[in-house]
Amino acid sequence: MTNCEDESQRVDYEYHPAAKVGDISEGEGKSFTVCGHVIGLFLSEGNYYAISDFCPHQGASLSGGYVEQGRVMCPWHAWKFELKDGSWADSPTSPIRCESYPVRLVEDEIQIGIPVKE
């Protein structure tokens, strides 16, 4: 933890398998339901990312959008979101965003972290 982090803001995650390495092609996203969360899992520039699969504008499935350079474009109205943190790429300081989830690889398994409820 860096000295910029606030311990009260720390979130614990429980990781769940979502896919296997190779299930998602470069520049693609797929939708998975993990513990009741509908999540878009993306592979962009060799990295896996997970964000809510619902566009906050009108609810389109983001996993069906165009993926490039760490961003996904909503297939309905072309809103773009950063895959690293779910922020709205067209207005990064806006409170409009998609929830993002940590991703880890365990051997050939892609796991998504779901926040632990206390």
Protein backbone atom coordinates (compact mmCIF):
# COMPACT_ATOMS: atom_id res chain seq x y z
CA MET A 1 0.00 0.00 0.00
CA THR A 2 1.35 3.44 -0.87
CA ASN A 3 0.98 6.39 1.43
CA CYS A 4 -1.62 7.81 -0.98
CA GLU A 5 -4.03 4.96 -0.29
CA ASP A 6 -6.64 5.25 2.42
CA GLU A 7 -7.03 2.03 4.43
CA SER A 8 -10.75 2.73 4.88
CA GLN A 9 -11.16 2.67 1.06
CA ARG A 10 -9.49 -0.72 0.66
CA VAL A 11 -11.62 -3.40 -0.98
CA ASP A 12 -11.10 -7.13 -0.61
CA TYR A 13 -11.87 -9.39 -3.56
CA GLU A 14 -12.79 -13.01 -3.96
CA TYR A 15 -11.60 -14.41 -7.29
CA HIS A 16 -13.78 -16.64 -9.47
CA PRO A 17 -12.96 -18.45 -12.72
CA ALA A 18 -14.53 -16.89 -15.81
CA ALA A 19 -12.68 -18.26 -18.84
CA LYS A 20 -9.55 -20.00 -20.05
CA VAL A 21 -6.62 -18.35 -21.80
CA GLY A 22 -7.43 -18.62 -25.51
CA ASP A 23 -11.22 -18.29 -25.05
CA ILE A 24 -11.05 -14.58 -25.91
CA SER A 25 -9.22 -13.35 -29.00
CA GLU A 26 -7.12 -10.18 -29.06
CA GLY A 27 -9.38 -7.14 -29.55
CA GLU A 28 -12.47 -8.99 -28.38
CA GLY A 29 -14.79 -9.02 -25.39
CA LYS A 30 -17.13 -11.68 -24.02
CA SER A 31 -19.86 -11.46 -21.41
CA PHE A 32 -19.81 -13.59 -18.26
CA THR A 33 -22.03 -13.69 -15.19
CA VAL A 34 -19.92 -14.03 -12.06
CA CYS A 35 -21.69 -14.12 -8.69
CA GLY A 36 -24.63 -12.17 -10.11
CA HIS A 37 -22.45 -9.51 -11.80
CA VAL A 38 -22.69 -9.31 -15.60
CA ILE A 39 -19.11 -8.59 -16.61
CA GLY A 40 -17.42 -7.94 -19.93
CA LEU A 41 -14.02 -9.64 -20.10
CA PHE A 42 -11.72 -8.14 -22.73
CA LEU A 43 -8.31 -8.86 -24.23
CA SER A 44 -6.56 -5.72 -25.47
CA GLU A 45 -2.87 -5.40 -26.29
CA GLY A 46 -2.12 -8.69 -24.55
CA ASN A 47 -3.84 -7.76 -21.27
CA TYR A 48 -7.14 -8.97 -19.83
CA TYR A 49 -9.58 -6.45 -18.38
CA ALA A 50 -13.00 -6.77 -16.73
CA ILE A 51 -15.67 -4.06 -16.52
CA SER A 52 -19.44 -4.05 -16.19
CA ASP A 53 -20.93 -5.32 -19.43
CA PHE A 54 -23.64 -2.63 -19.39
CA CYS A 55 -23.06 0.79 -20.94
CA PRO A 56 -24.19 3.39 -18.37
CA HIS A 57 -25.78 5.44 -21.18
CA GLN A 58 -28.55 3.07 -22.28
CA GLY A 59 -27.52 -0.42 -21.17
CA ALA A 60 -25.97 -1.89 -24.32
CA SER A 61 -23.69 -4.89 -23.91
CA LEU A 62 -20.16 -3.50 -24.10
CA SER A 63 -18.65 -6.92 -24.79
CA GLY A 64 -20.10 -6.61 -28.31
CA GLY A 65 -18.30 -3.32 -28.88
CA TYR A 66 -15.17 -2.43 -30.82
CA VAL A 67 -11.99 -2.93 -28.73
CA GLU A 68 -8.77 -1.08 -29.47
CA GLN A 69 -5.84 0.42 -27.54
CA GLY A 70 -7.26 -0.39 -24.11
CA ARG A 71 -10.73 1.00 -24.83
CA VAL A 72 -14.11 -0.40 -25.78
CA MET A 73 -16.66 1.49 -27.89
CA CYS A 74 -20.33 0.93 -27.12
CA PRO A 75 -21.99 -0.66 -30.16
CA TRP A 76 -25.14 1.48 -29.81
CA HIS A 77 -23.96 5.09 -29.52
CA ALA A 78 -20.15 4.93 -29.74
CA TRP A 79 -19.42 5.95 -26.14
CA LYS A 80 -15.87 4.83 -25.27
CA PHE A 81 -14.69 3.42 -21.96
CA GLU A 82 -11.20 2.75 -20.62
CA LEU A 83 -10.80 -0.96 -19.93
CA LYS A 84 -8.25 -0.36 -17.15
CA ASP A 85 -10.71 1.43 -14.85
CA GLY A 86 -14.09 1.79 -16.61
CA SER A 87 -13.83 5.57 -16.93
CA TRP A 88 -15.63 7.34 -19.76
CA ALA A 89 -12.80 7.97 -22.26
CA ASP A 90 -14.54 10.99 -23.82
CA SER A 91 -14.75 12.75 -20.44
CA PRO A 92 -12.31 11.13 -17.96
CA THR A 93 -13.25 13.39 -15.03
CA SER A 94 -16.96 12.61 -15.39
CA PRO A 95 -18.58 10.49 -12.68
CA ILE A 96 -20.05 8.37 -15.51
CA ARG A 97 -18.16 5.09 -15.58
CA CYS A 98 -18.45 1.34 -15.67
CA GLU A 99 -17.56 -0.67 -12.60
CA SER A 100 -14.18 -2.32 -13.07
CA TYR A 101 -12.96 -5.60 -11.61
CA PRO A 102 -9.45 -6.94 -11.06
CA VAL A 103 -8.33 -9.84 -13.24
CA ARG A 104 -5.69 -12.43 -12.53
CA LEU A 105 -4.34 -15.48 -14.34
CA VAL A 106 -3.86 -18.74 -12.47
CA GLU A 107 -2.14 -21.09 -14.90
CA ASP A 108 -4.54 -21.08 -17.91
CA GLU A 109 -7.56 -19.83 -15.95
CA ILE A 110 -8.73 -16.21 -16.13
CA GLN A 111 -10.22 -15.17 -12.79
CA ILE A 112 -12.27 -12.06 -11.99
CA GLY A 113 -12.27 -10.45 -8.55
CA ILE A 114 -15.66 -9.73 -7.04
CA PRO A 115 -15.78 -7.32 -4.04
CA VAL A 116 -16.33 -9.15 -0.76
CA LYS A 117 -19.35 -7.86 1.15
CA GLU A 118 -18.73 -7.46 4.84
